[in-house]
Amino acid sequence: MKTFEAIAIRISNLSIERDITLYELSKVSGVAQTTIKDIVYGRSKNPGIKNIERIANGFGMSVRDFFDDDLFISK
């Protein structure tokens, strides 16, 4: 799995776990909803660390915690 795919899945999983819509995530993170959707739907192959940091913060977590998931372990 490519990193951008894992990021998309992680955002989707966290949204479901925390019962937050992509619209709500955009409001709390300050990342445009279109940018978040582009990441989640695979239209963005390079989401950028700054956007990932802002999205992670929108979930109330650090970038380190965001990437602390089995999705990001190379197999």
C-alpha atoms as a PDB file:
ATOM      1  CA  MET A   1       0.000   0.000   0.000  1.00  0.00           C
ATOM      2  CA  LYS A   2       1.281   3.443  -0.858  1.00  0.00           C
ATOM      3  CA  THR A   3       1.630   6.057   1.878  1.00  0.00           C
ATOM      4  CA  PHE A   4      -1.020   8.363   0.405  1.00  0.00           C
ATOM      5  CA  GLU A   5      -3.470   5.423   0.397  1.00  0.00           C
ATOM      6  CA  ALA A   6      -2.700   4.655   4.047  1.00  0.00           C
ATOM      7  CA  ILE A   7      -3.230   8.324   4.946  1.00  0.00           C
ATOM      8  CA  ALA A   8      -6.614   8.298   3.207  1.00  0.00           C
ATOM      9  CA  ILE A   9      -7.686   5.150   5.055  1.00  0.00           C
ATOM     10  CA  ARG A  10      -6.437   6.534   8.374  1.00  0.00           C
ATOM     11  CA  ILE A  11      -8.472   9.729   7.957  1.00  0.00           C
ATOM     12  CA  SER A  12     -11.558   7.703   7.015  1.00  0.00           C
ATOM     13  CA  ASN A  13     -11.115   5.339   9.963  1.00  0.00           C
ATOM     14  CA  LEU A  14     -10.603   8.173  12.438  1.00  0.00           C
ATOM     15  CA  SER A  15     -13.646   9.990  11.073  1.00  0.00           C
ATOM     16  CA  ILE A  16     -15.775   6.910  11.662  1.00  0.00           C
ATOM     17  CA  GLU A  17     -14.271   6.133  15.091  1.00  0.00           C
ATOM     18  CA  ARG A  18     -14.734   9.699  16.303  1.00  0.00           C
ATOM     19  CA  ASP A  19     -18.066  10.245  14.541  1.00  0.00           C
ATOM     20  CA  ILE A  20     -16.882  13.357  12.709  1.00  0.00           C
ATOM     21  CA  THR A  21     -17.770  14.252   9.134  1.00  0.00           C
ATOM     22  CA  LEU A  22     -15.200  15.511   6.656  1.00  0.00           C
ATOM     23  CA  TYR A  23     -17.022  18.858   6.754  1.00  0.00           C
ATOM     24  CA  GLU A  24     -16.658  19.035  10.555  1.00  0.00           C
ATOM     25  CA  LEU A  25     -13.023  17.965  10.270  1.00  0.00           C
ATOM     26  CA  SER A  26     -12.383  20.777   7.810  1.00  0.00           C
ATOM     27  CA  LYS A  27     -13.853  23.304  10.236  1.00  0.00           C
ATOM     28  CA  VAL A  28     -11.817  22.179  13.254  1.00  0.00           C
ATOM     29  CA  SER A  29      -8.586  21.578  11.326  1.00  0.00           C
ATOM     30  CA  GLY A  30      -8.617  24.624   9.077  1.00  0.00           C
ATOM     31  CA  VAL A  31      -7.981  22.450   6.016  1.00  0.00           C
ATOM     32  CA  ALA A  32     -10.382  23.059   3.142  1.00  0.00           C
ATOM     33  CA  GLN A  33     -13.054  20.401   2.772  1.00  0.00           C
ATOM     34  CA  THR A  34     -12.096  19.925  -0.883  1.00  0.00           C
ATOM     35  CA  THR A  35      -8.494  19.243   0.158  1.00  0.00           C
ATOM     36  CA  ILE A  36      -9.590  16.658   2.729  1.00  0.00           C
ATOM     37  CA  LYS A  37     -11.883  14.990   0.189  1.00  0.00           C
ATOM     38  CA  ASP A  38      -9.090  14.949  -2.404  1.00  0.00           C
ATOM     39  CA  ILE A  39      -6.880  13.146   0.124  1.00  0.00           C
ATOM     40  CA  VAL A  40      -9.570  10.680   1.247  1.00  0.00           C
ATOM     41  CA  TYR A  41     -10.766   9.867  -2.279  1.00  0.00           C
ATOM     42  CA  GLY A  42      -7.237   9.381  -3.616  1.00  0.00           C
ATOM     43  CA  ARG A  43      -7.151  12.408  -5.900  1.00  0.00           C
ATOM     44  CA  SER A  44      -4.195  13.853  -3.961  1.00  0.00           C
ATOM     45  CA  LYS A  45      -1.043  11.746  -4.134  1.00  0.00           C
ATOM     46  CA  ASN A  46       0.960  14.208  -2.018  1.00  0.00           C
ATOM     47  CA  PRO A  47      -1.158  15.653   0.805  1.00  0.00           C
ATOM     48  CA  GLY A  48       1.737  17.520   2.433  1.00  0.00           C
ATOM     49  CA  ILE A  49       2.929  17.269   6.005  1.00  0.00           C
ATOM     50  CA  LYS A  50       1.390  20.615   6.977  1.00  0.00           C
ATOM     51  CA  ASN A  51      -2.080  19.440   5.941  1.00  0.00           C
ATOM     52  CA  ILE A  52      -1.550  16.120   7.702  1.00  0.00           C
ATOM     53  CA  GLU A  53      -0.477  17.971  10.846  1.00  0.00           C
ATOM     54  CA  ARG A  54      -3.560  20.192  10.731  1.00  0.00           C
ATOM     55  CA  ILE A  55      -5.845  17.203  10.116  1.00  0.00           C
ATOM     56  CA  ALA A  56      -4.235  15.260  12.973  1.00  0.00           C
ATOM     57  CA  ASN A  57      -4.702  18.270  15.243  1.00  0.00           C
ATOM     58  CA  GLY A  58      -8.332  18.422  14.111  1.00  0.00           C
ATOM     59  CA  PHE A  59      -8.697  14.903  15.475  1.00  0.00           C
ATOM     60  CA  GLY A  60      -7.030  16.057  18.705  1.00  0.00           C
ATOM     61  CA  MET A  61      -3.832  14.123  18.117  1.00  0.00           C
ATOM     62  CA  SER A  62      -0.222  14.699  17.172  1.00  0.00           C
ATOM     63  CA  VAL A  63       1.291  13.750  13.821  1.00  0.00           C
ATOM     64  CA  ARG A  64       3.163  10.997  15.639  1.00  0.00           C
ATOM     65  CA  ASP A  65      -0.109   9.561  16.962  1.00  0.00           C
ATOM     66  CA  PHE A  66      -1.690   9.877  13.513  1.00  0.00           C
ATOM     67  CA  PHE A  67       1.054   7.706  12.001  1.00  0.00           C
ATOM     68  CA  ASP A  68       1.090   5.283  14.962  1.00  0.00           C
ATOM     69  CA  ASP A  69      -1.078   2.730  13.197  1.00  0.00           C
ATOM     70  CA  ASP A  70      -0.477  -0.632  11.543  1.00  0.00           C
ATOM     71  CA  LEU A  71      -1.401   0.942   8.196  1.00  0.00           C
ATOM     72  CA  PHE A  72       2.020   2.589   8.136  1.00  0.00           C
ATOM     73  CA  ILE A  73       4.084  -0.513   8.907  1.00  0.00           C
ATOM     74  CA  SER A  74       5.934  -1.836   5.858  1.00  0.00           C
ATOM     75  CA  LYS A  75       5.271  -5.465   5.131  1.00  0.00           C
END
